[in-house]
Amino acid sequence: MQGQAPTPDGQVADAVKDNWVDRWAPAATRPYLRLSRADRPIGTWLLLIPCWWGLALAILHNGQPWLEDAWIALGCAIGAFLMRGAGCTWNDITDRDFDGSVARTASRPIPSGQVSVKGAVIWMCMQALIAFGILLTFNITAIGLGILSLLPVAIYPFAKRFTWWPQIFLGLAFNWGALLAWAAHTGSLHPAPVVLYLAGIVWTLFYDTIYALQDAEDDALIGIKSTARLFGENSPTWLRRFLVGTLVLLATAIVLALMPDANPLVLVIALAGPWAMGFHMTWQLRRLDMDDHQRLLHLFRSNRDAGLIPLAFLCVAILM
């Protein structure tokens, strides 16, 4: 499918309606904020939520919140915004020749001519350096993990060119915060955050397959691989598998973090989170229509709420 021309005011085709960038940001900054997907905040949420999962689970594991946890939570939020922006900028730099051929992405700042490649590189480095400054406020284990996270971030944009499972590489990058935030609180790693990390990866396979279904036709024309193309009409079956895998791994991570001395009430409340998340993901599957692109985008964005559900239960468990 031939790419769509950008709108006269430079808005991106799949941006959130009446978003703050298009309404309030100074005109000169809008192309760069669009490059960072600031007009589409769902990606920041999906990067941040595993961080908060990891922090909440670490607090439950230790049995007490610390004052510095407030900064870890805030630092993760700012860092997620910045690193999501840097990662999206890197993605658009590497995909600039593909994006102009896909209807949904042709209006992005680089293919539409709003930002030069040189300008995008400078913008990416600025965001990454600020995020690195925040990372340096954490302990040495978290700093090391933060630096290591650059590897899956760097690889992801190329994954769809050599594997049918690029969503795994996205999951590796997007859920790294589960490990980092746990380490920022405890100073070390444990089986619980590793299993939590795996749960996040399977969740990413769920939501990003839904997202990729929007582009399946265009991706086939230009030779881009994805799980949506791989699964085809069997996508709902695979999504159900990812749903179950997410819940089982998330529940396992909670048990590993709380056992063997868990308060039974705390354990029950914490484990209610994955089940409640499962109801939301089931609702998504019931609403799934692979031919309705607007619905697919809506369902993809609803995963912010899906991910916040178990976090809410973990927070209640912390207060018990």
Protein backbone atom coordinates (compact mmCIF):
# COMPACT_ATOMS: atom_id res chain seq x y z
CA MET A 1 0.00 0.00 0.00
CA GLN A 2 1.34 3.42 -0.92
CA GLY A 3 2.16 5.63 2.04
CA GLN A 4 -0.15 8.48 2.96
CA ALA A 5 1.01 12.05 2.66
CA PRO A 6 1.56 13.83 5.97
CA THR A 7 -1.14 16.14 7.19
CA PRO A 8 -0.55 19.87 6.54
CA ASP A 9 0.24 20.58 10.19
CA GLY A 10 2.60 17.61 10.46
CA GLN A 11 0.44 15.42 12.67
CA VAL A 12 1.25 11.71 12.60
CA ALA A 13 -1.50 9.42 11.32
CA ASP A 14 -1.85 7.22 14.42
CA ALA A 15 -1.33 9.94 17.04
CA VAL A 16 -3.78 10.23 19.91
CA LYS A 17 -6.52 12.70 19.04
CA ASP A 18 -6.03 16.15 20.62
CA ASN A 19 -2.73 15.08 22.16
CA TRP A 20 -0.68 17.63 24.09
CA VAL A 21 2.12 17.80 21.50
CA ASP A 22 -0.16 18.90 18.67
CA ARG A 23 -2.14 21.25 20.92
CA TRP A 24 0.35 22.85 23.31
CA ALA A 25 3.99 22.18 22.39
CA PRO A 26 5.93 25.01 20.67
CA ALA A 27 5.85 24.49 16.91
CA ALA A 28 9.62 24.09 16.62
CA THR A 29 9.64 21.19 19.08
CA ARG A 30 6.72 19.25 17.66
CA PRO A 31 8.60 17.26 14.98
CA TYR A 32 11.12 16.05 17.58
CA LEU A 33 8.45 15.21 20.16
CA ARG A 34 6.57 13.31 17.46
CA LEU A 35 9.79 11.48 16.66
CA SER A 36 9.89 10.44 20.33
CA ARG A 37 6.22 9.36 20.14
CA ALA A 38 5.30 11.89 22.82
CA ASP A 39 2.01 12.29 20.95
CA ARG A 40 1.42 8.53 21.45
CA PRO A 41 2.11 7.88 25.16
CA ILE A 42 1.13 4.19 25.20
CA GLY A 43 4.72 3.11 24.48
CA THR A 44 6.01 4.99 27.51
CA TRP A 45 3.43 3.24 29.67
CA LEU A 46 4.34 -0.17 28.29
CA LEU A 47 8.02 0.51 29.01
CA LEU A 48 7.31 1.91 32.48
CA ILE A 49 4.85 -0.67 33.79
CA PRO A 50 7.39 -3.55 34.01
CA CYS A 51 9.68 -1.18 35.95
CA TRP A 52 6.94 -0.54 38.48
CA TRP A 53 6.11 -4.26 38.58
CA GLY A 54 9.74 -5.00 39.43
CA LEU A 55 9.92 -2.30 42.10
CA ALA A 56 6.64 -3.34 43.75
CA LEU A 57 7.67 -6.99 43.77
CA ALA A 58 11.06 -6.10 45.24
CA ILE A 59 9.37 -4.14 48.04
CA LEU A 60 7.12 -7.13 48.77
CA HIS A 61 10.16 -9.38 48.76
CA ASN A 62 11.98 -7.22 51.29
CA GLY A 63 8.88 -6.57 53.33
CA GLN A 64 9.29 -2.80 53.55
CA PRO A 65 9.26 0.25 51.26
CA TRP A 66 12.12 2.72 51.57
CA LEU A 67 12.05 6.48 51.07
CA GLU A 68 14.38 6.13 48.08
CA ASP A 69 11.78 3.92 46.36
CA ALA A 70 9.81 7.08 45.57
CA TRP A 71 12.80 8.32 43.58
CA ILE A 72 13.25 4.92 41.91
CA ALA A 73 9.61 5.04 40.80
CA LEU A 74 9.91 8.62 39.55
CA GLY A 75 13.31 8.02 37.97
CA CYS A 76 11.94 5.03 36.12
CA ALA A 77 9.04 7.15 34.85
CA ILE A 78 11.30 9.91 33.54
CA GLY A 79 13.76 7.37 32.19
CA ALA A 80 11.00 5.43 30.44
CA PHE A 81 9.84 8.60 28.69
CA LEU A 82 13.37 9.48 27.61
CA MET A 83 14.52 6.00 26.59
CA ARG A 84 11.29 5.27 24.79
CA GLY A 85 11.88 8.51 22.89
CA ALA A 86 15.50 7.61 22.15
CA GLY A 87 14.53 4.09 21.11
CA CYS A 88 11.75 5.30 18.82
CA THR A 89 14.13 7.83 17.28
CA TRP A 90 16.64 5.05 16.63
CA ASN A 91 13.86 2.89 15.18
CA ASP A 92 12.77 5.65 12.80
CA ILE A 93 16.34 6.31 11.71
CA THR A 94 16.86 2.67 10.78
CA ASP A 95 13.39 2.30 9.24
CA ARG A 96 13.29 5.55 7.29
CA ASP A 97 13.28 3.76 3.91
CA PHE A 98 10.45 1.43 4.96
CA ASP A 99 8.23 3.91 6.77
CA GLY A 100 7.51 5.94 3.66
CA SER A 101 5.93 2.86 2.05
CA VAL A 102 3.51 2.06 4.88
CA ALA A 103 0.29 4.02 5.22
CA ARG A 104 0.39 4.25 9.02
CA THR A 105 4.04 5.38 9.21
CA ALA A 106 4.50 7.59 6.14
CA SER A 107 3.56 10.68 8.14
CA ARG A 108 6.33 10.16 10.72
CA PRO A 109 8.82 13.03 10.99
CA ILE A 110 11.73 11.51 9.03
CA PRO A 111 9.89 10.08 5.96
CA SER A 112 7.65 13.16 5.84
CA GLY A 113 10.70 15.46 5.84
CA GLN A 114 10.01 17.22 9.15
CA VAL A 115 13.32 16.05 10.71
CA SER A 116 16.63 15.26 9.01
CA VAL A 117 18.57 12.11 9.84
CA LYS A 118 21.34 14.23 11.37
CA GLY A 119 18.84 16.09 13.52
CA ALA A 120 17.30 12.79 14.61
CA VAL A 121 20.70 11.40 15.67
CA ILE A 122 21.42 14.50 17.77
CA TRP A 123 17.97 14.30 19.36
CA MET A 124 18.43 10.60 20.15
CA CYS A 125 21.77 11.23 21.85
CA MET A 126 20.37 14.09 23.92
CA GLN A 127 17.56 11.91 25.28
CA ALA A 128 19.87 8.98 26.01
CA LEU A 129 22.39 11.17 27.85
CA ILE A 130 19.74 12.67 30.14
CA ALA A 131 18.41 9.19 30.86
CA PHE A 132 21.96 8.05 31.65
CA GLY A 133 22.25 10.87 34.17
CA ILE A 134 19.16 9.55 35.96
CA LEU A 135 20.53 6.00 35.83
CA LEU A 136 23.69 7.15 37.61
CA THR A 137 21.61 7.97 40.70
CA PHE A 138 20.84 4.26 41.17
CA ASN A 139 23.14 1.58 42.62
CA ILE A 140 25.93 -0.08 40.65
CA THR A 141 23.93 -3.21 39.80
CA ALA A 142 21.10 -1.15 38.33
CA ILE A 143 23.59 1.02 36.41
CA GLY A 144 25.18 -2.07 34.87
CA LEU A 145 21.79 -3.46 33.89
CA GLY A 146 20.81 -0.11 32.41
CA ILE A 147 23.90 -0.08 30.20
CA LEU A 148 23.26 -3.67 29.11
CA SER A 149 19.71 -2.71 28.08
CA LEU A 150 21.16 -0.78 25.15
CA LEU A 151 21.94 -4.06 23.38
CA PRO A 152 18.33 -5.24 22.78
CA VAL A 153 17.31 -1.64 22.07
CA ALA A 154 19.96 -1.42 19.34
CA ILE A 155 19.04 -4.77 17.80
CA TYR A 156 15.25 -4.49 17.79
CA PRO A 157 14.76 -2.30 14.68
CA PHE A 158 16.65 -4.85 12.59
CA ALA A 159 14.87 -7.92 13.98
CA LYS A 160 11.92 -7.73 11.60
CA ARG A 161 14.37 -8.12 8.73
CA PHE A 162 15.79 -11.47 9.83
CA THR A 163 13.15 -13.17 12.04
CA TRP A 164 9.41 -13.76 12.09
CA TRP A 165 9.54 -13.07 15.84
CA PRO A 166 10.68 -9.43 16.14
CA GLN A 167 8.20 -9.04 19.00
CA ILE A 168 10.54 -11.14 21.16
CA PHE A 169 13.29 -8.58 20.66
CA LEU A 170 10.85 -5.80 21.50
CA GLY A 171 9.93 -7.72 24.64
CA LEU A 172 13.58 -8.10 25.61
CA ALA A 173 14.00 -4.32 25.36
CA PHE A 174 10.67 -3.16 26.79
CA ASN A 175 10.65 -5.33 29.89
CA TRP A 176 14.26 -4.85 30.99
CA GLY A 177 13.00 -2.41 33.58
CA ALA A 178 11.62 -5.31 35.62
CA LEU A 179 15.20 -6.40 36.28
CA LEU A 180 16.57 -2.88 36.65
CA ALA A 181 13.96 -1.64 39.14
CA TRP A 182 14.27 -4.77 41.27
CA ALA A 183 18.04 -4.30 41.36
CA ALA A 184 17.66 -0.58 42.12
CA HIS A 185 15.75 -1.52 45.28
CA THR A 186 17.62 -4.65 46.40
CA GLY A 187 21.10 -4.19 44.92
CA SER A 188 21.04 -7.68 43.40
CA LEU A 189 18.99 -10.02 41.22
CA HIS A 190 16.81 -13.00 42.17
CA PRO A 191 14.78 -15.65 40.29
CA ALA A 192 11.58 -13.63 40.85
CA PRO A 193 12.50 -10.64 38.62
CA VAL A 194 13.88 -13.00 35.97
CA VAL A 195 10.53 -14.80 35.77
CA LEU A 196 8.78 -11.42 35.89
CA TYR A 197 10.93 -10.36 32.93
CA LEU A 198 9.81 -13.45 31.02
CA ALA A 199 6.18 -12.68 31.87
CA GLY A 200 6.62 -9.21 30.40
CA ILE A 201 8.15 -10.62 27.22
CA VAL A 202 5.16 -12.94 26.70
CA TRP A 203 2.80 -10.03 27.41
CA THR A 204 4.66 -8.03 24.74
CA LEU A 205 4.09 -10.87 22.28
CA PHE A 206 0.39 -10.54 23.08
CA TYR A 207 -0.04 -6.80 22.68
CA ASP A 208 2.45 -6.22 19.89
CA THR A 209 0.96 -8.98 17.76
CA ILE A 210 -2.34 -7.12 18.04
CA TYR A 211 -0.51 -3.93 17.03
CA ALA A 212 1.26 -5.64 14.11
CA LEU A 213 -2.03 -6.92 12.68
CA GLN A 214 -2.66 -3.33 11.52
CA ASP A 215 0.36 -3.47 9.21
CA ALA A 216 0.22 -7.09 8.05
CA GLU A 217 -0.79 -6.22 4.49
CA ASP A 218 1.77 -3.45 4.05
CA ASP A 219 4.49 -5.52 5.73
CA ALA A 220 3.90 -8.35 3.27
CA LEU A 221 4.32 -5.97 0.34
CA ILE A 222 7.67 -4.62 1.53
CA GLY A 223 9.01 -7.86 3.02
CA ILE A 224 8.85 -7.01 6.73
CA LYS A 225 8.40 -9.97 9.09
CA SER A 226 6.18 -10.08 12.19
CA THR A 227 4.29 -12.52 14.36
CA ALA A 228 1.06 -11.13 12.87
CA ARG A 229 2.16 -12.27 9.41
CA LEU A 230 3.52 -15.54 10.74
CA PHE A 231 0.32 -16.47 12.58
CA GLY A 232 -2.14 -15.10 10.03
CA GLU A 233 -5.64 -16.43 10.65
CA ASN A 234 -4.32 -18.40 13.62
CA SER A 235 -3.46 -15.17 15.48
CA PRO A 236 -6.35 -15.50 17.99
CA THR A 237 -5.11 -18.97 18.98
CA TRP A 238 -1.59 -17.68 19.56
CA LEU A 239 -2.89 -14.68 21.48
CA ARG A 240 -4.71 -17.03 23.86
CA ARG A 241 -1.45 -18.91 24.42
CA PHE A 242 0.36 -15.67 25.17
CA LEU A 243 -2.42 -14.69 27.59
CA VAL A 244 -2.03 -17.93 29.56
CA GLY A 245 1.76 -17.69 29.48
CA THR A 246 1.70 -14.14 30.81
CA LEU A 247 -0.54 -15.03 33.73
CA VAL A 248 1.33 -18.20 34.70
CA LEU A 249 4.72 -16.49 34.64
CA LEU A 250 3.48 -13.39 36.48
CA ALA A 251 1.92 -15.52 39.21
CA THR A 252 5.08 -17.61 39.46
CA ALA A 253 7.20 -14.47 39.89
CA ILE A 254 4.96 -13.31 42.73
CA VAL A 255 5.19 -16.67 44.49
CA LEU A 256 8.98 -16.74 44.11
CA ALA A 257 9.25 -13.23 45.57
CA LEU A 258 7.00 -13.90 48.58
CA MET A 259 7.77 -17.48 49.53
CA PRO A 260 8.54 -19.21 51.81
CA ASP A 261 7.48 -16.77 54.55
CA ALA A 262 4.60 -15.02 52.84
CA ASN A 263 1.63 -13.69 54.77
CA PRO A 264 -1.27 -15.73 53.27
CA LEU A 265 -3.49 -12.66 52.87
CA VAL A 266 -0.71 -10.70 51.14
CA LEU A 267 -0.05 -13.64 48.81
CA VAL A 268 -3.73 -13.97 47.90
CA ILE A 269 -4.06 -10.24 47.17
CA ALA A 270 -0.88 -10.19 45.08
CA LEU A 271 -1.94 -13.28 43.10
CA ALA A 272 -5.35 -11.75 42.41
CA GLY A 273 -3.55 -9.23 40.18
CA PRO A 274 -2.60 -11.65 37.37
CA TRP A 275 -6.11 -13.10 37.35
CA ALA A 276 -7.67 -9.63 37.08
CA MET A 277 -5.22 -8.81 34.28
CA GLY A 278 -6.30 -12.04 32.60
CA PHE A 279 -9.93 -10.89 32.57
CA HIS A 280 -8.87 -7.70 30.80
CA MET A 281 -6.80 -9.61 28.23
CA THR A 282 -9.73 -11.98 27.66
CA TRP A 283 -11.93 -8.95 27.03
CA GLN A 284 -9.43 -7.84 24.39
CA LEU A 285 -9.62 -11.21 22.65
CA ARG A 286 -13.40 -11.10 22.60
CA ARG A 287 -13.27 -7.68 20.97
CA LEU A 288 -10.61 -8.67 18.44
CA ASP A 289 -11.39 -8.00 14.79
CA MET A 290 -8.34 -8.48 12.58
CA ASP A 291 -9.87 -6.42 9.76
CA ASP A 292 -10.76 -3.38 11.89
CA HIS A 293 -7.58 -1.33 12.23
CA GLN A 294 -9.10 1.27 14.54
CA ARG A 295 -10.26 -1.43 16.92
CA LEU A 296 -6.85 -3.11 16.82
CA LEU A 297 -5.21 0.18 17.77
CA HIS A 298 -7.73 0.69 20.57
CA LEU A 299 -7.12 -2.80 21.94
CA PHE A 300 -3.36 -2.34 21.76
CA ARG A 301 -3.59 0.92 23.71
CA SER A 302 -5.84 -0.72 26.31
CA ASN A 303 -2.85 -2.74 27.48
CA ARG A 304 -1.83 0.22 29.61
CA ASP A 305 -4.84 -0.58 31.77
CA ALA A 306 -4.13 -4.32 31.58
CA GLY A 307 -0.62 -3.77 32.94
CA LEU A 308 -1.69 -1.37 35.67
CA ILE A 309 -4.18 -3.89 37.07
CA PRO A 310 -1.63 -6.28 38.67
CA LEU A 311 0.40 -3.26 39.81
CA ALA A 312 -2.62 -2.00 41.75
CA PHE A 313 -2.96 -5.36 43.51
CA LEU A 314 0.76 -5.42 44.32
CA CYS A 315 0.48 -1.93 45.84
CA VAL A 316 -2.47 -3.03 47.98
CA ALA A 317 -0.45 -6.06 49.09
CA ILE A 318 2.43 -3.76 50.10
CA LEU A 319 0.07 -1.76 52.31
CA MET A 320 -1.20 -4.85 54.14
